[in-house]
Amino acid sequence: MARAGGTITTRIQRSPRPRATYFELVKRFPLRPIRSERELERAIEIIDSLIDRDDLDPDEKDYLEVLGDLTERYEDEKHPLRPARDSEMLAFLIEQKQVSQSAVARATEIAVSTISEVLSGKRILRWEQIARLARFFHVDPGVFALEA
């Protein structure tokens, strides 16, 4: 403990050397760039096994974070995702919330015909409609892409 300006503070120090659990994980799957689908599958198996546990020590958490970053980098490079269209995102949100187009229209004060045209891809959302939909579905407005 250290006394700073009349108050007592506790310093949490990391062990200078990782625990044995960290080295066991590195032996199972070394932390290096993922270069194949097989390595990706194996990395995901390790990630899943760690995520399922509630009692990870700090070194295991560090390992999980780094392996997650390596996995994300490989997936972004080899399997990039295209942004969802507004019509796809709106359809997904309606399905997830299990509401009708009419219910969305009433709650957001957007015409049912507009909701229908957006869903069919005949119309794009305006920023004020996006704001209303984001509030209704409790999502960040950024999930919708202002399409040109």
N, C-alpha and C. Protein backbone atom coordinates (compact mmCIF):
# COMPACT_ATOMS: atom_id res chain seq x y z
N MET A 1 0.84 -1.18 0.00
CA MET A 1 0.00 0.00 0.00
C MET A 1 0.88 1.23 0.00
N ALA A 2 0.34 2.28 -0.59
CA ALA A 2 1.07 3.54 -0.61
C ALA A 2 0.14 4.64 -0.14
N ARG A 3 0.71 5.60 0.54
CA ARG A 3 -0.09 6.73 1.02
C ARG A 3 0.12 7.87 0.03
N ALA A 4 -0.99 8.37 -0.57
CA ALA A 4 -0.90 9.45 -1.54
C ALA A 4 -1.85 10.56 -1.12
N GLY A 5 -1.29 11.70 -0.73
CA GLY A 5 -2.12 12.84 -0.37
C GLY A 5 -3.10 12.56 0.76
N GLY A 6 -2.68 11.79 1.76
CA GLY A 6 -3.53 11.53 2.90
C GLY A 6 -4.46 10.33 2.73
N THR A 7 -4.50 9.72 1.55
CA THR A 7 -5.35 8.54 1.36
C THR A 7 -4.47 7.33 1.11
N ILE A 8 -5.00 6.20 1.44
CA ILE A 8 -4.26 4.95 1.23
C ILE A 8 -4.71 4.36 -0.10
N THR A 9 -3.75 4.04 -0.94
CA THR A 9 -4.07 3.41 -2.22
C THR A 9 -3.41 2.04 -2.27
N THR A 10 -4.06 1.14 -2.92
CA THR A 10 -3.52 -0.20 -3.09
C THR A 10 -3.11 -0.36 -4.54
N ARG A 11 -1.91 -0.84 -4.75
CA ARG A 11 -1.43 -1.07 -6.11
C ARG A 11 -1.56 -2.54 -6.43
N ILE A 12 -2.20 -2.80 -7.55
CA ILE A 12 -2.33 -4.19 -8.00
C ILE A 12 -1.23 -4.41 -9.02
N GLN A 13 -0.38 -5.35 -8.71
CA GLN A 13 0.72 -5.62 -9.63
C GLN A 13 0.51 -6.97 -10.29
N ARG A 14 0.80 -6.99 -11.55
CA ARG A 14 0.77 -8.24 -12.30
C ARG A 14 2.02 -9.02 -11.98
N SER A 15 1.86 -10.29 -11.95
CA SER A 15 3.02 -11.15 -11.76
C SER A 15 3.98 -10.89 -12.91
N PRO A 16 5.29 -10.73 -12.62
CA PRO A 16 6.24 -10.46 -13.70
C PRO A 16 6.35 -11.64 -14.67
N ARG A 17 5.95 -12.79 -14.23
CA ARG A 17 6.05 -13.99 -15.07
C ARG A 17 4.65 -14.62 -15.15
N PRO A 18 4.19 -14.91 -16.37
CA PRO A 18 2.86 -15.51 -16.50
C PRO A 18 2.75 -16.84 -15.74
N ARG A 19 1.54 -17.14 -15.35
CA ARG A 19 1.27 -18.39 -14.63
C ARG A 19 1.40 -19.58 -15.57
N ALA A 20 1.44 -20.76 -14.97
CA ALA A 20 1.56 -22.01 -15.74
C ALA A 20 0.37 -22.19 -16.67
N THR A 21 -0.81 -21.70 -16.27
CA THR A 21 -2.00 -21.86 -17.12
C THR A 21 -1.80 -21.18 -18.47
N TYR A 22 -1.11 -20.04 -18.46
CA TYR A 22 -0.83 -19.33 -19.71
C TYR A 22 0.03 -20.19 -20.63
N PHE A 23 1.09 -20.77 -20.08
CA PHE A 23 2.00 -21.58 -20.88
C PHE A 23 1.33 -22.85 -21.39
N GLU A 24 0.40 -23.38 -20.61
CA GLU A 24 -0.36 -24.55 -21.07
C GLU A 24 -1.19 -24.18 -22.29
N LEU A 25 -1.80 -23.01 -22.26
CA LEU A 25 -2.58 -22.55 -23.42
C LEU A 25 -1.68 -22.33 -24.64
N VAL A 26 -0.53 -21.72 -24.42
CA VAL A 26 0.40 -21.48 -25.53
C VAL A 26 0.87 -22.81 -26.13
N LYS A 27 1.04 -23.82 -25.30
CA LYS A 27 1.43 -25.15 -25.82
C LYS A 27 0.30 -25.74 -26.66
N ARG A 28 -0.94 -25.54 -26.21
CA ARG A 28 -2.10 -26.07 -26.95
C ARG A 28 -2.27 -25.35 -28.28
N PHE A 29 -2.09 -24.03 -28.26
CA PHE A 29 -2.25 -23.23 -29.48
C PHE A 29 -1.39 -21.99 -29.36
N PRO A 30 -0.20 -21.99 -29.99
CA PRO A 30 0.71 -20.84 -29.90
C PRO A 30 0.08 -19.57 -30.45
N LEU A 31 0.42 -18.45 -29.83
CA LEU A 31 -0.09 -17.16 -30.28
C LEU A 31 0.77 -16.65 -31.44
N ARG A 32 0.28 -16.90 -32.63
CA ARG A 32 0.93 -16.42 -33.85
C ARG A 32 -0.14 -16.22 -34.90
N PRO A 33 0.16 -15.52 -35.98
CA PRO A 33 -0.88 -15.27 -36.98
C PRO A 33 -1.54 -16.56 -37.46
N ILE A 34 -2.84 -16.48 -37.65
CA ILE A 34 -3.61 -17.63 -38.15
C ILE A 34 -3.55 -17.56 -39.67
N ARG A 35 -3.22 -18.69 -40.29
CA ARG A 35 -2.99 -18.69 -41.73
C ARG A 35 -3.83 -19.71 -42.50
N SER A 36 -4.68 -20.46 -41.81
CA SER A 36 -5.50 -21.45 -42.53
C SER A 36 -6.83 -21.63 -41.82
N GLU A 37 -7.76 -22.22 -42.55
CA GLU A 37 -9.08 -22.50 -41.98
C GLU A 37 -8.96 -23.49 -40.82
N ARG A 38 -8.06 -24.44 -40.94
CA ARG A 38 -7.86 -25.42 -39.86
C ARG A 38 -7.37 -24.72 -38.59
N GLU A 39 -6.42 -23.81 -38.74
CA GLU A 39 -5.94 -23.06 -37.58
C GLU A 39 -7.06 -22.20 -37.01
N LEU A 40 -7.90 -21.63 -37.87
CA LEU A 40 -9.03 -20.83 -37.41
C LEU A 40 -9.99 -21.69 -36.59
N GLU A 41 -10.31 -22.86 -37.08
CA GLU A 41 -11.21 -23.77 -36.35
C GLU A 41 -10.65 -24.11 -34.98
N ARG A 42 -9.36 -24.40 -34.94
CA ARG A 42 -8.71 -24.75 -33.68
C ARG A 42 -8.72 -23.56 -32.71
N ALA A 43 -8.45 -22.37 -33.24
CA ALA A 43 -8.47 -21.16 -32.40
C ALA A 43 -9.86 -20.94 -31.82
N ILE A 44 -10.89 -21.14 -32.62
CA ILE A 44 -12.26 -20.95 -32.15
C ILE A 44 -12.60 -21.98 -31.08
N GLU A 45 -12.11 -23.20 -31.22
CA GLU A 45 -12.32 -24.22 -30.17
C GLU A 45 -11.73 -23.75 -28.84
N ILE A 46 -10.51 -23.22 -28.90
CA ILE A 46 -9.85 -22.74 -27.68
C ILE A 46 -10.63 -21.56 -27.09
N ILE A 47 -11.01 -20.62 -27.94
CA ILE A 47 -11.77 -19.45 -27.49
C ILE A 47 -13.06 -19.89 -26.81
N ASP A 48 -13.79 -20.80 -27.45
CA ASP A 48 -15.05 -21.29 -26.88
C ASP A 48 -14.83 -21.94 -25.51
N SER A 49 -13.76 -22.71 -25.39
CA SER A 49 -13.51 -23.37 -24.11
C SER A 49 -13.20 -22.36 -23.00
N LEU A 50 -12.56 -21.26 -23.37
CA LEU A 50 -12.23 -20.25 -22.37
C LEU A 50 -13.45 -19.37 -22.04
N ILE A 51 -14.22 -19.03 -23.04
CA ILE A 51 -15.40 -18.19 -22.82
C ILE A 51 -16.40 -18.89 -21.91
N ASP A 52 -16.47 -20.20 -21.99
CA ASP A 52 -17.42 -20.97 -21.18
C ASP A 52 -17.07 -20.97 -19.69
N ARG A 53 -15.86 -20.55 -19.35
CA ARG A 53 -15.43 -20.57 -17.95
C ARG A 53 -15.62 -19.20 -17.30
N ASP A 54 -15.98 -19.22 -16.03
CA ASP A 54 -16.16 -17.98 -15.27
C ASP A 54 -14.94 -17.64 -14.42
N ASP A 55 -13.99 -18.55 -14.33
CA ASP A 55 -12.89 -18.39 -13.38
C ASP A 55 -11.52 -18.20 -14.04
N LEU A 56 -11.47 -17.46 -15.14
CA LEU A 56 -10.19 -17.26 -15.82
C LEU A 56 -9.28 -16.38 -14.97
N ASP A 57 -8.02 -16.78 -14.90
CA ASP A 57 -7.06 -15.92 -14.20
C ASP A 57 -6.62 -14.81 -15.17
N PRO A 58 -5.93 -13.79 -14.68
CA PRO A 58 -5.56 -12.66 -15.55
C PRO A 58 -4.74 -13.07 -16.78
N ASP A 59 -3.88 -14.05 -16.63
CA ASP A 59 -3.06 -14.50 -17.76
C ASP A 59 -3.91 -15.21 -18.82
N GLU A 60 -4.89 -15.98 -18.37
CA GLU A 60 -5.79 -16.64 -19.31
C GLU A 60 -6.64 -15.61 -20.05
N LYS A 61 -7.05 -14.56 -19.33
CA LYS A 61 -7.81 -13.48 -19.97
C LYS A 61 -6.96 -12.78 -21.03
N ASP A 62 -5.68 -12.55 -20.72
CA ASP A 62 -4.77 -11.94 -21.70
C ASP A 62 -4.64 -12.83 -22.94
N TYR A 63 -4.44 -14.12 -22.71
CA TYR A 63 -4.32 -15.07 -23.81
C TYR A 63 -5.58 -15.02 -24.68
N LEU A 64 -6.75 -15.06 -24.04
CA LEU A 64 -8.02 -15.02 -24.76
C LEU A 64 -8.14 -13.75 -25.59
N GLU A 65 -7.76 -12.63 -25.03
CA GLU A 65 -7.83 -11.36 -25.75
C GLU A 65 -6.95 -11.37 -27.00
N VAL A 66 -5.72 -11.84 -26.86
CA VAL A 66 -4.79 -11.86 -27.99
C VAL A 66 -5.25 -12.86 -29.04
N LEU A 67 -5.70 -14.05 -28.62
CA LEU A 67 -6.18 -15.03 -29.58
C LEU A 67 -7.42 -14.51 -30.30
N GLY A 68 -8.28 -13.81 -29.59
CA GLY A 68 -9.45 -13.20 -30.22
C GLY A 68 -9.05 -12.19 -31.28
N ASP A 69 -8.03 -11.39 -30.98
CA ASP A 69 -7.54 -10.41 -31.96
C ASP A 69 -6.98 -11.10 -33.20
N LEU A 70 -6.21 -12.17 -33.00
CA LEU A 70 -5.64 -12.91 -34.13
C LEU A 70 -6.74 -13.53 -34.99
N THR A 71 -7.75 -14.06 -34.33
CA THR A 71 -8.87 -14.67 -35.04
C THR A 71 -9.63 -13.62 -35.84
N GLU A 72 -9.89 -12.49 -35.21
CA GLU A 72 -10.61 -11.41 -35.89
C GLU A 72 -9.84 -10.91 -37.11
N ARG A 73 -8.53 -10.78 -36.97
CA ARG A 73 -7.71 -10.31 -38.09
C ARG A 73 -7.80 -11.28 -39.27
N TYR A 74 -7.70 -12.58 -39.00
CA TYR A 74 -7.80 -13.58 -40.07
C TYR A 74 -9.18 -13.53 -40.72
N GLU A 75 -10.24 -13.49 -39.90
CA GLU A 75 -11.60 -13.49 -40.45
C GLU A 75 -11.87 -12.22 -41.27
N ASP A 76 -11.38 -11.07 -40.80
CA ASP A 76 -11.57 -9.83 -41.54
C ASP A 76 -10.89 -9.89 -42.90
N GLU A 77 -9.74 -10.55 -42.95
CA GLU A 77 -8.98 -10.65 -44.19
C GLU A 77 -9.57 -11.69 -45.14
N LYS A 78 -9.90 -12.85 -44.61
CA LYS A 78 -10.35 -13.97 -45.45
C LYS A 78 -11.86 -14.05 -45.65
N HIS A 79 -12.63 -13.49 -44.72
CA HIS A 79 -14.09 -13.58 -44.78
C HIS A 79 -14.73 -12.24 -44.46
N PRO A 80 -14.40 -11.21 -45.25
CA PRO A 80 -14.96 -9.89 -44.93
C PRO A 80 -16.49 -9.90 -45.08
N LEU A 81 -17.14 -9.19 -44.18
CA LEU A 81 -18.59 -9.08 -44.23
C LEU A 81 -18.98 -7.77 -44.89
N ARG A 82 -19.94 -7.83 -45.76
CA ARG A 82 -20.44 -6.59 -46.34
C ARG A 82 -21.47 -6.02 -45.37
N PRO A 83 -21.55 -4.71 -45.31
CA PRO A 83 -22.55 -4.12 -44.42
C PRO A 83 -23.96 -4.52 -44.86
N ALA A 84 -24.83 -4.72 -43.89
CA ALA A 84 -26.22 -5.07 -44.21
C ALA A 84 -26.93 -3.85 -44.78
N ARG A 85 -27.79 -4.10 -45.76
CA ARG A 85 -28.62 -3.02 -46.29
C ARG A 85 -29.67 -2.66 -45.23
N ASP A 86 -30.19 -1.43 -45.34
CA ASP A 86 -31.24 -1.01 -44.42
C ASP A 86 -32.41 -1.98 -44.43
N SER A 87 -32.78 -2.46 -45.61
CA SER A 87 -33.91 -3.39 -45.71
C SER A 87 -33.63 -4.68 -44.93
N GLU A 88 -32.40 -5.18 -45.03
CA GLU A 88 -32.03 -6.40 -44.31
C GLU A 88 -32.01 -6.16 -42.80
N MET A 89 -31.45 -5.04 -42.38
CA MET A 89 -31.36 -4.74 -40.96
C MET A 89 -32.75 -4.53 -40.37
N LEU A 90 -33.60 -3.81 -41.07
CA LEU A 90 -34.95 -3.57 -40.58
C LEU A 90 -35.72 -4.89 -40.47
N ALA A 91 -35.60 -5.73 -41.48
CA ALA A 91 -36.28 -7.04 -41.44
C ALA A 91 -35.78 -7.87 -40.26
N PHE A 92 -34.49 -7.85 -40.03
CA PHE A 92 -33.90 -8.60 -38.91
C PHE A 92 -34.43 -8.09 -37.58
N LEU A 93 -34.44 -6.77 -37.40
CA LEU A 93 -34.89 -6.19 -36.14
C LEU A 93 -36.37 -6.47 -35.89
N ILE A 94 -37.18 -6.40 -36.93
CA ILE A 94 -38.60 -6.70 -36.81
C ILE A 94 -38.79 -8.15 -36.39
N GLU A 95 -38.04 -9.04 -37.02
CA GLU A 95 -38.13 -10.46 -36.68
C GLU A 95 -37.69 -10.72 -35.24
N GLN A 96 -36.58 -10.12 -34.84
CA GLN A 96 -36.06 -10.33 -33.50
C GLN A 96 -37.00 -9.82 -32.42
N LYS A 97 -37.62 -8.69 -32.68
CA LYS A 97 -38.53 -8.11 -31.69
C LYS A 97 -39.93 -8.72 -31.80
N GLN A 98 -40.15 -9.48 -32.86
CA GLN A 98 -41.44 -10.14 -33.10
C GLN A 98 -42.58 -9.14 -33.09
N VAL A 99 -42.43 -8.14 -33.94
CA VAL A 99 -43.46 -7.12 -34.09
C VAL A 99 -43.86 -7.04 -35.56
N SER A 100 -45.00 -6.45 -35.81
CA SER A 100 -45.47 -6.29 -37.18
C SER A 100 -44.98 -4.96 -37.74
N GLN A 101 -45.08 -4.84 -39.07
CA GLN A 101 -44.74 -3.58 -39.71
C GLN A 101 -45.64 -2.46 -39.18
N SER A 102 -46.89 -2.79 -38.95
CA SER A 102 -47.85 -1.80 -38.44
C SER A 102 -47.44 -1.32 -37.05
N ALA A 103 -46.99 -2.22 -36.21
CA ALA A 103 -46.56 -1.84 -34.86
C ALA A 103 -45.34 -0.93 -34.92
N VAL A 104 -44.42 -1.24 -35.82
CA VAL A 104 -43.23 -0.39 -36.00
C VAL A 104 -43.67 0.99 -36.49
N ALA A 105 -44.56 1.00 -37.46
CA ALA A 105 -45.03 2.26 -38.02
C ALA A 105 -45.70 3.13 -36.94
N ARG A 106 -46.58 2.53 -36.14
CA ARG A 106 -47.25 3.28 -35.08
C ARG A 106 -46.25 3.84 -34.07
N ALA A 107 -45.32 3.00 -33.64
CA ALA A 107 -44.37 3.41 -32.60
C ALA A 107 -43.38 4.46 -33.08
N THR A 108 -43.06 4.45 -34.36
CA THR A 108 -42.05 5.37 -34.89
C THR A 108 -42.63 6.55 -35.66
N GLU A 109 -43.94 6.48 -35.87
CA GLU A 109 -44.63 7.50 -36.67
C GLU A 109 -44.06 7.58 -38.08
N ILE A 110 -43.69 6.43 -38.62
CA ILE A 110 -43.27 6.29 -40.01
C ILE A 110 -44.40 5.55 -40.71
N ALA A 111 -44.81 6.02 -41.86
CA ALA A 111 -45.93 5.40 -42.57
C ALA A 111 -45.68 3.92 -42.83
N VAL A 112 -46.73 3.12 -42.72
CA VAL A 112 -46.63 1.68 -43.00
C VAL A 112 -46.13 1.47 -44.42
N SER A 113 -46.59 2.30 -45.35
CA SER A 113 -46.15 2.16 -46.74
C SER A 113 -44.65 2.39 -46.87
N THR A 114 -44.11 3.32 -46.09
CA THR A 114 -42.67 3.58 -46.11
C THR A 114 -41.91 2.38 -45.56
N ILE A 115 -42.39 1.84 -44.44
CA ILE A 115 -41.75 0.64 -43.86
C ILE A 115 -41.75 -0.48 -44.90
N SER A 116 -42.87 -0.67 -45.53
CA SER A 116 -43.00 -1.73 -46.54
C SER A 116 -42.06 -1.51 -47.73
N GLU A 117 -41.97 -0.27 -48.19
CA GLU A 117 -41.09 0.04 -49.32
C GLU A 117 -39.61 -0.12 -48.95
N VAL A 118 -39.26 0.21 -47.72
CA VAL A 118 -37.88 0.01 -47.27
C VAL A 118 -37.58 -1.48 -47.24
N LEU A 119 -38.50 -2.27 -46.70
CA LEU A 119 -38.29 -3.72 -46.62
C LEU A 119 -38.17 -4.36 -47.99
N SER A 120 -38.88 -3.83 -48.97
CA SER A 120 -38.81 -4.40 -50.33
C SER A 120 -37.66 -3.84 -51.14
N GLY A 121 -36.90 -2.89 -50.57
CA GLY A 121 -35.76 -2.31 -51.26
C GLY A 121 -36.13 -1.21 -52.23
N LYS A 122 -37.37 -0.76 -52.22
CA LYS A 122 -37.82 0.30 -53.14
C LYS A 122 -37.53 1.69 -52.60
N ARG A 123 -37.20 1.79 -51.34
CA ARG A 123 -36.98 3.09 -50.71
C ARG A 123 -35.85 2.94 -49.70
N ILE A 124 -35.12 4.04 -49.49
CA ILE A 124 -34.07 4.04 -48.47
C ILE A 124 -34.53 4.89 -47.29
N LEU A 125 -33.91 4.66 -46.16
CA LEU A 125 -34.25 5.40 -44.96
C LEU A 125 -33.57 6.77 -44.95
N ARG A 126 -34.28 7.76 -44.43
CA ARG A 126 -33.71 9.08 -44.20
C ARG A 126 -33.17 9.10 -42.76
N TRP A 127 -32.29 10.04 -42.47
CA TRP A 127 -31.64 10.06 -41.15
C TRP A 127 -32.64 10.19 -40.02
N GLU A 128 -33.72 10.96 -40.19
CA GLU A 128 -34.67 11.09 -39.09
C GLU A 128 -35.46 9.79 -38.88
N GLN A 129 -35.68 9.03 -39.94
CA GLN A 129 -36.33 7.72 -39.80
C GLN A 129 -35.40 6.74 -39.09
N ILE A 130 -34.13 6.82 -39.44
CA ILE A 130 -33.14 5.97 -38.77
C ILE A 130 -33.12 6.25 -37.27
N ALA A 131 -33.15 7.51 -36.90
CA ALA A 131 -33.14 7.88 -35.48
C ALA A 131 -34.36 7.31 -34.77
N ARG A 132 -35.52 7.39 -35.39
CA ARG A 132 -36.74 6.86 -34.77
C ARG A 132 -36.68 5.34 -34.63
N LEU A 133 -36.22 4.69 -35.70
CA LEU A 133 -36.12 3.22 -35.65
C LEU A 133 -35.10 2.77 -34.61
N ALA A 134 -33.98 3.49 -34.53
CA ALA A 134 -32.94 3.14 -33.55
C ALA A 134 -33.49 3.24 -32.13
N ARG A 135 -34.26 4.29 -31.86
CA ARG A 135 -34.87 4.43 -30.53
C ARG A 135 -35.85 3.29 -30.25
N PHE A 136 -36.67 2.98 -31.24
CA PHE A 136 -37.68 1.93 -31.05
C PHE A 136 -37.04 0.57 -30.80
N PHE A 137 -36.01 0.25 -31.57
CA PHE A 137 -35.37 -1.08 -31.45
C PHE A 137 -34.24 -1.09 -30.43
N HIS A 138 -33.94 0.05 -29.82
CA HIS A 138 -32.86 0.15 -28.82
C HIS A 138 -31.53 -0.30 -29.40
N VAL A 139 -31.19 0.25 -30.58
CA VAL A 139 -29.92 -0.04 -31.23
C VAL A 139 -29.23 1.27 -31.57
N ASP A 140 -27.97 1.19 -31.85
CA ASP A 140 -27.22 2.35 -32.29
C ASP A 140 -27.67 2.70 -33.71
N PRO A 141 -27.88 3.98 -34.02
CA PRO A 141 -28.28 4.35 -35.38
C PRO A 141 -27.29 3.87 -36.44
N GLY A 142 -26.04 3.65 -36.05
CA GLY A 142 -25.02 3.19 -36.99
C GLY A 142 -25.27 1.81 -37.57
N VAL A 143 -26.22 1.04 -36.99
CA VAL A 143 -26.50 -0.27 -37.58
C VAL A 143 -27.18 -0.12 -38.94
N PHE A 144 -27.77 1.06 -39.16
CA PHE A 144 -28.34 1.36 -40.45
C PHE A 144 -27.31 2.15 -41.26
N ALA A 145 -27.21 1.85 -42.52
CA ALA A 145 -26.26 2.55 -43.38
C ALA A 145 -27.04 3.53 -44.24
N LEU A 146 -26.66 4.79 -44.18
CA LEU A 146 -27.31 5.75 -45.06
C LEU A 146 -26.89 5.40 -46.48
N GLU A 147 -27.78 4.79 -47.21
CA GLU A 147 -27.47 4.33 -48.57
C GLU A 147 -27.64 5.47 -49.56
N ALA A 148 -26.79 5.46 -50.54
CA ALA A 148 -26.87 6.50 -51.57
C ALA A 148 -27.63 6.02 -52.76
